[in-house]
Every structure is written in C-alpha cells, then in structure tokens.
Amino acid sequence: MPSFVSNHTQPLRILLFAFLLQGCLLASSLAATPERPDNPGASSEPTDFEAIESIVKQGIKDGKMPGAVVVIADRNRVLYRRAFGQRQVKPTTEPMTVDTVFDLASLTKPVATATSVMKLIAEGLLSPEQKVSDVLPEFGKHGKDEITIGDLLLHVGGLIPDNSLRDYRDGIQNSWKNICELKPIAVPREKFAYTDVGFIVLGKVVERVSKQPLDQYAQQHIFTPLGMSETTFNPSADLKKRTAPTEQRDGQWIKGEVHDPRAHLLQGVAGHAGLFSTADDLTRYGQQMLSIAGNEESIPFPKSTFKMMTRPRDVHRASQTIGTRTYGWDHRSPYSSNRGDQLSDSAFGHGGFTGTVMWIDPDSDRVFIFLSNRLHPDGKGSVNRLAGEIASIVGANANP
C-alpha cells in the first residue's frame, strides 16, 4: 500500500509544483510590466548609460557647471535618473538633488508659451497663419502687420533678437508699448533670427486670446493636467529653498528668481523666460508628448496638433537654408549642438541660457533631460557640448 500511494502521488506533486511555479512566473511577469509612474522616480540605470557619470563628473571638474541632474526615459519608464555635484557653492554649499528646482530660461519658450499657443490652435482660437496684429492690433506698426503666429514660433518674423533693457524699466504696460514701437529688422519669413522679443509677443497673444496671463493659463491648461505640480513662474517660498542659484544681482544671489533681466523686469512672467521646474516634472511633459505621438493621449492637444507643432520646417538666412525648426522647438539649427548626433530625425528639443536642455524623440521613444545651473557662481560655465555628448549616448542606445 505505501508503495502504491507513493507511485501515484509523485506525478501529482510534480504537476502541482509546475502549476505553482508557472503562477509565480506569471505574477513576476505582470509585476515587471512597465506602467507610467505617478512619480517618475525609480531608475534601472542600464549599463549602456555608464559613460554618463564620467562625462558629467569631468564637466564638473572642468568648471562647466557646479552640478547637474540627468534623466532618460521612455513613455512608460524612467531609465536613468541621477544628480551630480553641487547645486550651490556660494555663499554656502548645497548638494545637487534630483528634486532641485531650476530656472529653465529659454525652455520656457516651448514648454510654456508654444504649448499654450498650440492648445489655443487646437481649440480653434488661433491659427499659425493668422496675423499677430489680428489679435494685437497695437503691435502691427512699422510694417509688423504681416507677421504671423507661425512666423514667431519659428523665429522668422523679422524681429530684433533683444531690444534694450531701457525699454523695460518703466513697468509692464510701458514695456509692451515699447515693443509695439519696434521696427522689424527683416521681411517676415526671409531671415531666421532667434528672438526673445518674438516669444514675449506670443506670451501676450496667449494672454489676449485666453483672457488669462500666460502663467495662469499654462498652469491651468498644461501643468496641472499633466501633474507638473512643481512647474511655475515665480516659485513659492518652499520651492525657492531647493532652487539652484545662478549669479548675483544687486549684490544678492539670484535663487528662485528669474535670471533673465527682461523677464525679471516683467515681474517674472514672460513668454521667453521665467519658468521654473524639476527634472521629474519635465519627464512628465516629455512622456506625455511621446504618448500623444503614439495615439495614447490627447492632453493638452491631439496628435494632429502635435504633428503640426513638431514638423520640421526650413529656416533661412541670406537666402540660404541654415537648418530646421519646429513650432517652438529646435530641430537641426545653429542652436542644436546639444542634441548630439544619434537622435532620430523626429527628435525636437531646446536649450536654456542657464544650462538646461531637453530633447524628445518619438521614433526612438526617448526623453532626455539635462538640467544644470552652469552660470553659478561666476557666469563662466558651458554645457551644450557636454549635453550633446550625453544625447548621443541616449540616441545610440534607443529603441530602433
């Protein structure tokens, strides 16, 4: 009898063990299935990205920046997320952390201003072909009445790159009057000239059409819906505590206040600069753009508007094509040394004067973020080439 029972229960035990093992493997597989995180925190740090550490640490050693935060993600996962060096070296030292708040400088242009403009276009309240003077009649002086919304998004409206700081010293209303009195430096669409003025005008367009200041409109319609809770103009006292400082102004370190002098005189809110954010919030933005490209999301605008925004367009100087831009973003232009040489042709991105870089590559399903305060403490840092090296690593190790 014992022999009979042993001989017949053994196969049952084996089957039971196999069933349990299969169940464990299935549970493990389900647990490993990537989901878009509420907080993009965990980092798998593939060995393909090992070279990033030495690049960033050498940059810190060479004085290119005091520290940096680097994030690489796909639409569902954070693949790499690290902080390096210091976020502050004077008057006291503070270590860089992944939740450091950065002055994004010109990343304000695409993330806040152009995204707001494109949302208004998606809602039928604006058109790229629309004359700016249709929205802002006072702007259409001195031949500026032929400039379109699309021209300003591409920096081909013929506006001066920057007008005098004197034009901003008598308050916001007088600053706008002075911009309206500017004369163009070129015929619209004939010359690419990267211009802060053009995006200040676009910020005013958003305000006039939406009847909300740019900061409020972007907060309500872009940042809050995307869960970007630490992205804002004029950061709160709590956010200022972990903001990376830049240089000094009037003998005080600039920390939690915009570095750009024109945005500062415009009380911290302008279409060209003034936005502050963290690497995690920008990751959320980038992942959302990838999801829209993959037909998975339609906030803040649908794929048709996304395609309109990110389609490369030739820009010219002296009747020669000198590169490509998209609506609000760089693509391949004299300003795109920070994109490296391995991202796909679908990649679009931008840099900021303070040492910030972001590239989004739909074809390769990648977001690349490099945030630094390269101006701290002496204004002599330089990070575009360094960021481009890392972007090349990202592109070389991206999905086909």
Protein backbone atom coordinates (compact mmCIF):
# COMPACT_ATOMS: atom_id res chain seq x y z
CA MET A 1 0.00 0.00 0.00
CA PRO A 2 2.69 2.59 0.84
CA SER A 3 4.42 1.75 -2.42
CA PHE A 4 1.16 2.15 -4.36
CA VAL A 5 0.43 5.57 -2.84
CA SER A 6 3.98 6.81 -3.42
CA ASN A 7 3.98 5.77 -7.07
CA HIS A 8 0.70 7.57 -7.83
CA THR A 9 1.09 10.77 -5.79
CA GLN A 10 4.54 11.61 -7.17
CA PRO A 11 3.22 12.80 -10.59
CA LEU A 12 0.54 14.84 -8.83
CA ARG A 13 3.19 16.53 -6.72
CA ILE A 14 5.23 17.33 -9.83
CA LEU A 15 2.16 18.75 -11.58
CA LEU A 16 1.26 20.82 -8.53
CA PHE A 17 4.83 22.19 -8.30
CA ALA A 18 4.81 23.06 -12.00
CA PHE A 19 1.47 24.83 -11.66
CA LEU A 20 2.68 26.86 -8.71
CA LEU A 21 5.93 27.72 -10.50
CA GLN A 22 4.03 28.89 -13.58
CA GLY A 23 1.79 31.05 -11.39
CA CYS A 24 4.81 32.65 -9.72
CA LEU A 25 6.44 33.37 -13.06
CA LEU A 26 3.22 34.93 -14.38
CA ALA A 27 2.89 37.12 -11.29
CA SER A 28 6.50 38.17 -11.64
CA SER A 29 5.99 39.00 -15.29
CA LEU A 30 2.92 41.11 -14.51
CA ALA A 31 4.76 42.93 -11.75
CA ALA A 32 7.58 43.78 -14.15
CA THR A 33 5.24 45.17 -16.81
CA PRO A 34 6.13 48.87 -17.03
CA GLU A 35 3.44 51.35 -16.14
CA ARG A 36 3.65 55.09 -16.42
CA PRO A 37 4.63 56.19 -12.89
CA ASP A 38 2.74 58.82 -10.96
CA ASN A 39 6.14 59.98 -9.77
CA PRO A 40 8.91 59.11 -12.24
CA GLY A 41 11.36 58.13 -9.54
CA ALA A 42 12.80 54.65 -9.94
CA SER A 43 15.74 54.25 -12.27
CA SER A 44 17.02 50.99 -13.72
CA GLU A 45 20.25 52.62 -14.92
CA PRO A 46 21.17 50.25 -17.77
CA THR A 47 24.87 49.62 -18.27
CA ASP A 48 24.55 51.36 -21.65
CA PHE A 49 24.43 54.65 -19.73
CA GLU A 50 27.51 54.09 -17.57
CA ALA A 51 29.60 56.59 -19.54
CA ILE A 52 27.28 59.43 -18.50
CA GLU A 53 28.72 59.56 -14.99
CA SER A 54 32.27 60.15 -16.15
CA ILE A 55 31.16 62.79 -18.69
CA VAL A 56 29.24 64.78 -16.08
CA LYS A 57 31.90 64.44 -13.38
CA GLN A 58 34.58 65.61 -15.81
CA GLY A 59 32.41 68.57 -16.72
CA ILE A 60 32.10 69.50 -13.06
CA LYS A 61 35.85 69.12 -12.60
CA ASP A 62 36.45 71.37 -15.62
CA GLY A 63 34.18 74.06 -14.19
CA LYS A 64 31.48 73.72 -16.83
CA MET A 65 28.81 73.64 -14.10
CA PRO A 66 28.71 73.01 -10.33
CA GLY A 67 26.31 70.09 -10.73
CA ALA A 68 23.57 68.60 -12.86
CA VAL A 69 20.54 66.33 -12.96
CA VAL A 70 20.26 63.87 -15.85
CA VAL A 71 17.12 61.91 -16.73
CA ILE A 72 16.47 59.48 -19.57
CA ALA A 73 13.02 57.98 -20.02
CA ASP A 74 10.72 56.28 -22.45
CA ARG A 75 6.99 56.88 -22.49
CA ASN A 76 6.37 54.50 -19.57
CA ARG A 77 9.56 54.24 -17.55
CA VAL A 78 12.42 56.26 -16.17
CA LEU A 79 15.58 54.56 -17.41
CA TYR A 80 18.17 56.80 -15.77
CA ARG A 81 17.81 59.48 -13.10
CA ARG A 82 20.80 60.88 -11.24
CA ALA A 83 22.03 64.04 -9.56
CA PHE A 84 25.69 65.05 -9.63
CA GLY A 85 27.81 67.62 -7.83
CA GLN A 86 26.51 70.71 -6.07
CA ARG A 87 23.53 72.90 -6.77
CA GLN A 88 25.10 75.72 -4.79
CA VAL A 89 28.72 76.54 -4.00
CA LYS A 90 28.36 80.12 -2.75
CA PRO A 91 27.81 81.55 -0.20
CA THR A 92 27.45 78.03 1.25
CA THR A 93 27.45 74.62 -0.37
CA GLU A 94 24.35 72.55 -1.05
CA PRO A 95 24.39 69.14 -2.77
CA MET A 96 22.55 68.68 -6.03
CA THR A 97 19.40 66.56 -5.61
CA VAL A 98 17.07 65.03 -8.18
CA ASP A 99 14.27 67.29 -6.93
CA THR A 100 16.26 70.51 -7.38
CA VAL A 101 14.23 73.31 -8.94
CA PHE A 102 15.87 75.00 -11.95
CA ASP A 103 15.43 78.28 -13.77
CA LEU A 104 14.62 76.85 -17.21
CA ALA A 105 15.43 80.08 -19.09
CA SER A 106 14.52 79.58 -22.78
CA LEU A 107 12.93 76.19 -22.19
CA THR A 108 10.08 78.48 -21.19
CA LYS A 109 9.54 79.12 -24.90
CA PRO A 110 8.43 75.62 -25.92
CA VAL A 111 7.19 74.19 -22.62
CA ALA A 112 5.03 77.12 -21.51
CA THR A 113 4.50 79.55 -24.38
CA ALA A 114 4.46 77.43 -27.53
CA THR A 115 2.50 74.65 -25.84
CA SER A 116 -0.09 77.24 -24.76
CA VAL A 117 -0.26 78.66 -28.29
CA MET A 118 -0.70 75.19 -29.77
CA LYS A 119 -3.50 74.39 -27.34
CA LEU A 120 -5.30 77.55 -28.42
CA ILE A 121 -4.75 76.50 -32.05
CA ALA A 122 -6.20 73.05 -31.27
CA GLU A 123 -9.28 74.75 -29.82
CA GLY A 124 -9.75 76.84 -32.96
CA LEU A 125 -8.98 80.11 -31.18
CA LEU A 126 -5.77 80.76 -33.12
CA SER A 127 -4.15 79.72 -36.40
CA PRO A 128 -0.47 79.61 -37.39
CA GLU A 129 -1.33 81.63 -40.50
CA GLN A 130 -3.14 84.29 -38.50
CA LYS A 131 -1.62 87.76 -38.39
CA VAL A 132 -0.38 88.72 -34.95
CA SER A 133 -1.96 92.13 -35.48
CA ASP A 134 -5.39 90.46 -35.76
CA VAL A 135 -5.02 89.59 -32.07
CA LEU A 136 -2.84 92.52 -31.03
CA PRO A 137 -3.73 95.48 -33.29
CA GLU A 138 -1.32 97.79 -31.45
CA PHE A 139 1.57 95.52 -32.45
CA GLY A 140 1.08 95.96 -36.20
CA LYS A 141 3.05 99.19 -36.54
CA HIS A 142 6.07 99.92 -38.71
CA GLY A 143 5.50 97.00 -41.09
CA LYS A 144 4.90 94.36 -38.42
CA ASP A 145 1.33 93.82 -39.63
CA GLU A 146 2.42 90.95 -41.93
CA ILE A 147 3.98 88.83 -39.16
CA THR A 148 2.03 85.64 -38.41
CA ILE A 149 1.76 83.46 -35.32
CA GLY A 150 3.71 80.76 -37.15
CA ASP A 151 6.47 83.22 -38.03
CA LEU A 152 7.05 83.98 -34.36
CA LEU A 153 7.01 80.29 -33.41
CA LEU A 154 9.80 79.72 -35.97
CA HIS A 155 11.78 82.91 -35.20
CA VAL A 156 11.32 84.16 -38.76
CA GLY A 157 9.10 87.17 -38.09
CA GLY A 158 11.87 89.68 -38.71
CA LEU A 159 12.00 90.92 -35.11
CA ILE A 160 15.13 92.03 -33.30
CA PRO A 161 16.59 89.32 -31.01
CA ASP A 162 16.53 91.58 -27.92
CA ASN A 163 15.56 95.20 -27.51
CA SER A 164 17.23 97.47 -24.97
CA LEU A 165 16.76 96.85 -21.26
CA ARG A 166 15.80 100.51 -21.03
CA ASP A 167 12.56 99.59 -22.78
CA TYR A 168 11.51 97.51 -19.76
CA ARG A 169 12.33 99.81 -16.85
CA ASP A 170 9.07 101.76 -16.64
CA GLY A 171 6.66 98.94 -15.86
CA ILE A 172 4.88 96.21 -17.77
CA GLN A 173 2.48 98.44 -19.72
CA ASN A 174 5.23 100.74 -20.98
CA SER A 175 7.38 97.73 -21.82
CA TRP A 176 4.63 96.45 -24.10
CA LYS A 177 4.21 99.87 -25.72
CA ASN A 178 7.95 99.95 -26.43
CA ILE A 179 7.81 96.51 -28.06
CA CYS A 180 4.95 97.65 -30.26
CA GLU A 181 7.06 100.61 -31.42
CA LEU A 182 9.95 98.38 -32.55
CA LYS A 183 10.74 98.28 -36.25
CA PRO A 184 11.45 94.92 -37.91
CA ILE A 185 15.00 94.09 -38.92
CA ALA A 186 13.94 91.86 -41.83
CA VAL A 187 10.98 90.98 -44.00
CA PRO A 188 8.92 88.17 -42.43
CA ARG A 189 9.99 84.63 -43.40
CA GLU A 190 13.19 85.79 -45.12
CA LYS A 191 15.60 85.56 -42.18
CA PHE A 192 15.89 83.27 -39.19
CA ALA A 193 16.86 85.31 -36.14
CA TYR A 194 16.41 83.68 -32.74
CA THR A 195 14.45 86.26 -30.80
CA ASP A 196 13.27 86.64 -27.23
CA VAL A 197 11.08 89.54 -28.36
CA GLY A 198 9.02 87.26 -30.58
CA PHE A 199 8.15 84.99 -27.67
CA ILE A 200 7.35 87.90 -25.41
CA VAL A 201 4.82 88.84 -28.09
CA LEU A 202 3.48 85.25 -28.18
CA GLY A 203 3.02 85.37 -24.42
CA LYS A 204 0.93 88.48 -24.94
CA VAL A 205 -1.06 86.64 -27.63
CA VAL A 206 -1.90 83.88 -25.14
CA GLU A 207 -2.99 86.50 -22.62
CA ARG A 208 -5.18 88.40 -25.06
CA VAL A 209 -6.90 85.34 -26.55
CA SER A 210 -7.40 83.38 -23.32
CA LYS A 211 -8.04 86.43 -21.12
CA GLN A 212 -5.57 84.96 -18.64
CA PRO A 213 -1.93 85.88 -18.01
CA LEU A 214 0.47 83.36 -19.52
CA ASP A 215 1.46 81.88 -16.17
CA GLN A 216 -2.14 81.25 -15.13
CA TYR A 217 -3.16 79.84 -18.50
CA ALA A 218 -0.20 77.43 -18.65
CA GLN A 219 -0.77 76.36 -15.05
CA GLN A 220 -4.44 75.61 -15.57
CA HIS A 221 -4.34 74.05 -19.02
CA ILE A 222 -0.91 72.37 -19.21
CA PHE A 223 0.97 71.91 -15.96
CA THR A 224 -1.87 70.91 -13.62
CA PRO A 225 -3.48 68.43 -16.07
CA LEU A 226 -0.08 66.79 -16.62
CA GLY A 227 0.69 66.55 -12.90
CA MET A 228 3.55 69.06 -13.16
CA SER A 229 2.98 70.33 -9.62
CA GLU A 230 6.42 71.94 -9.27
CA THR A 231 6.46 73.83 -12.56
CA THR A 232 5.68 77.51 -12.23
CA PHE A 233 6.66 81.09 -12.81
CA ASN A 234 7.73 82.94 -9.64
CA PRO A 235 8.29 79.91 -7.38
CA SER A 236 6.82 79.75 -3.89
CA ALA A 237 8.99 80.10 -0.79
CA ASP A 238 9.06 76.32 -0.37
CA LEU A 239 10.28 75.75 -3.93
CA LYS A 240 12.87 78.50 -3.59
CA LYS A 241 14.56 76.55 -0.79
CA ARG A 242 15.67 73.86 -3.23
CA THR A 243 16.18 76.07 -6.28
CA ALA A 244 19.61 76.13 -7.89
CA PRO A 245 21.01 79.68 -7.77
CA THR A 246 22.58 81.40 -10.77
CA GLU A 247 24.59 84.62 -10.48
CA GLN A 248 24.35 87.74 -8.34
CA ARG A 249 22.10 90.73 -8.96
CA ASP A 250 22.48 93.90 -6.91
CA GLY A 251 24.85 92.06 -4.62
CA GLN A 252 22.40 89.24 -3.86
CA TRP A 253 22.45 85.68 -5.15
CA ILE A 254 19.65 85.00 -7.62
CA LYS A 255 17.85 81.98 -6.18
CA GLY A 256 14.23 81.31 -7.03
CA GLU A 257 14.00 84.48 -9.11
CA VAL A 258 14.39 84.53 -12.86
CA HIS A 259 17.91 85.22 -14.11
CA ASP A 260 16.89 86.76 -17.43
CA PRO A 261 16.95 90.55 -16.95
CA ARG A 262 13.97 91.30 -19.20
CA ALA A 263 11.79 88.62 -17.62
CA HIS A 264 12.85 89.97 -14.23
CA LEU A 265 11.71 93.46 -15.17
CA LEU A 266 8.43 91.94 -16.40
CA GLN A 267 7.87 90.68 -12.84
CA GLY A 268 8.99 87.14 -13.58
CA VAL A 269 6.38 86.21 -16.21
CA ALA A 270 7.30 86.40 -19.89
CA GLY A 271 6.94 84.28 -22.99
CA HIS A 272 10.67 83.81 -23.46
CA ALA A 273 11.88 83.07 -19.90
CA GLY A 274 10.75 82.81 -16.30
CA LEU A 275 9.60 79.20 -15.96
CA PHE A 276 10.99 77.04 -13.15
CA SER A 277 10.69 73.26 -12.96
CA THR A 278 12.23 69.98 -11.86
CA ALA A 279 13.58 67.03 -13.82
CA ASP A 280 10.61 64.88 -12.76
CA ASP A 281 8.06 67.42 -13.97
CA LEU A 282 9.81 67.78 -17.32
CA THR A 283 9.88 63.99 -17.57
CA ARG A 284 6.10 64.01 -17.22
CA TYR A 285 5.85 66.57 -20.02
CA GLY A 286 8.18 64.58 -22.28
CA GLN A 287 6.42 61.29 -21.63
CA GLN A 288 3.09 62.92 -22.41
CA MET A 289 4.43 64.12 -25.77
CA LEU A 290 5.60 60.58 -26.55
CA SER A 291 2.18 59.25 -25.59
CA ILE A 292 0.44 61.77 -27.85
CA ALA A 293 2.75 60.74 -30.69
CA GLY A 294 1.69 57.13 -30.05
CA ASN A 295 -2.03 57.97 -30.07
CA GLU A 296 -2.31 57.20 -26.35
CA GLU A 297 -3.08 60.69 -25.05
CA SER A 298 -4.72 63.91 -26.27
CA ILE A 299 -3.93 66.34 -23.42
CA PRO A 300 -3.05 69.19 -23.83
CA PHE A 301 -3.78 68.70 -27.54
CA PRO A 302 -4.44 65.85 -30.01
CA LYS A 303 -1.94 64.15 -32.26
CA SER A 304 -2.87 66.32 -35.24
CA THR A 305 -1.78 69.42 -33.30
CA PHE A 306 1.31 67.61 -32.02
CA LYS A 307 2.30 66.78 -35.61
CA MET A 308 1.73 70.40 -36.63
CA MET A 309 3.90 71.60 -33.76
CA THR A 310 6.80 69.20 -34.29
CA ARG A 311 7.05 69.09 -38.11
CA PRO A 312 10.49 70.38 -39.18
CA ARG A 313 10.46 73.50 -41.35
CA ASP A 314 13.38 75.04 -43.21
CA VAL A 315 14.67 78.37 -41.94
CA HIS A 316 16.84 80.70 -43.98
CA ARG A 317 19.47 83.39 -43.72
CA ALA A 318 20.83 85.32 -46.68
CA SER A 319 18.59 83.25 -48.99
CA GLN A 320 20.23 80.02 -47.84
CA THR A 321 18.69 77.27 -45.75
CA ILE A 322 20.63 77.13 -42.48
CA GLY A 323 18.63 74.47 -40.68
CA THR A 324 15.23 73.35 -39.50
CA ARG A 325 12.98 74.43 -36.63
CA THR A 326 9.53 73.40 -35.45
CA TYR A 327 6.82 75.49 -33.84
CA GLY A 328 8.50 76.49 -30.59
CA TRP A 329 11.21 73.81 -30.66
CA ASP A 330 14.63 73.42 -32.21
CA HIS A 331 15.23 70.58 -34.65
CA ARG A 332 18.52 70.97 -36.54
CA SER A 333 19.73 74.56 -36.45
CA PRO A 334 22.82 76.52 -35.43
CA TYR A 335 21.47 76.28 -31.86
CA SER A 336 21.19 72.48 -31.67
CA SER A 337 24.70 71.42 -30.65
CA ASN A 338 23.10 69.99 -27.50
CA ARG A 339 21.16 67.34 -29.49
CA GLY A 340 24.24 65.23 -30.26
CA ASP A 341 24.39 63.18 -33.44
CA GLN A 342 22.45 59.99 -32.69
CA LEU A 343 18.86 61.07 -32.07
CA SER A 344 16.37 60.30 -34.84
CA ASP A 345 15.10 62.89 -37.27
CA SER A 346 11.84 63.05 -35.32
CA ALA A 347 13.61 64.48 -32.27
CA PHE A 348 12.79 68.01 -31.17
CA GLY A 349 14.24 69.91 -28.25
CA HIS A 350 15.54 73.14 -26.82
CA GLY A 351 18.16 74.62 -24.54
CA GLY A 352 18.17 77.38 -21.98
CA PHE A 353 20.81 80.00 -21.22
CA THR A 354 21.10 78.88 -17.60
CA GLY A 355 22.30 75.41 -18.63
CA THR A 356 19.10 73.47 -19.32
CA VAL A 357 18.49 71.02 -22.17
CA MET A 358 15.56 68.83 -23.19
CA TRP A 359 15.10 66.58 -26.22
CA ILE A 360 12.11 64.38 -27.06
CA ASP A 361 12.48 61.66 -29.70
CA PRO A 362 9.19 59.97 -30.69
CA ASP A 363 10.69 57.49 -33.18
CA SER A 364 13.14 56.21 -30.57
CA ASP A 365 10.69 56.59 -27.65
CA ARG A 366 13.10 58.67 -25.59
CA VAL A 367 13.08 61.75 -23.38
CA PHE A 368 16.44 63.29 -22.47
CA ILE A 369 16.73 65.96 -19.80
CA PHE A 370 19.88 67.70 -18.65
CA LEU A 371 19.43 70.40 -16.03
CA SER A 372 22.25 72.50 -14.62
CA ASN A 373 22.91 75.98 -13.31
CA ARG A 374 26.05 76.49 -15.35
CA LEU A 375 26.05 80.24 -14.56
CA HIS A 376 26.73 79.62 -10.87
CA PRO A 377 28.77 81.14 -9.40
CA ASP A 378 30.71 83.20 -11.94
CA GLY A 379 28.73 83.00 -15.20
CA LYS A 380 31.52 81.13 -16.99
CA GLY A 381 30.13 77.61 -17.32
CA SER A 382 29.29 75.94 -20.63
CA VAL A 383 27.25 72.76 -21.08
CA ASN A 384 25.84 72.49 -24.62
CA ARG A 385 28.62 70.27 -25.99
CA LEU A 386 28.59 68.16 -22.84
CA ALA A 387 24.82 67.72 -23.05
CA GLY A 388 25.22 66.81 -26.71
CA GLU A 389 27.65 64.02 -25.77
CA ILE A 390 25.06 62.55 -23.42
CA ALA A 391 22.29 62.98 -26.01
CA SER A 392 24.41 60.95 -28.42
CA ILE A 393 24.60 58.14 -25.86
CA VAL A 394 20.84 58.31 -25.45
CA GLY A 395 20.30 58.13 -29.19
CA ALA A 396 22.80 55.30 -29.68
CA ASN A 397 21.04 53.18 -27.07
CA ALA A 398 17.45 53.99 -28.02
CA ASN A 399 14.80 51.73 -29.46
CA PRO A 400 15.01 51.25 -33.24
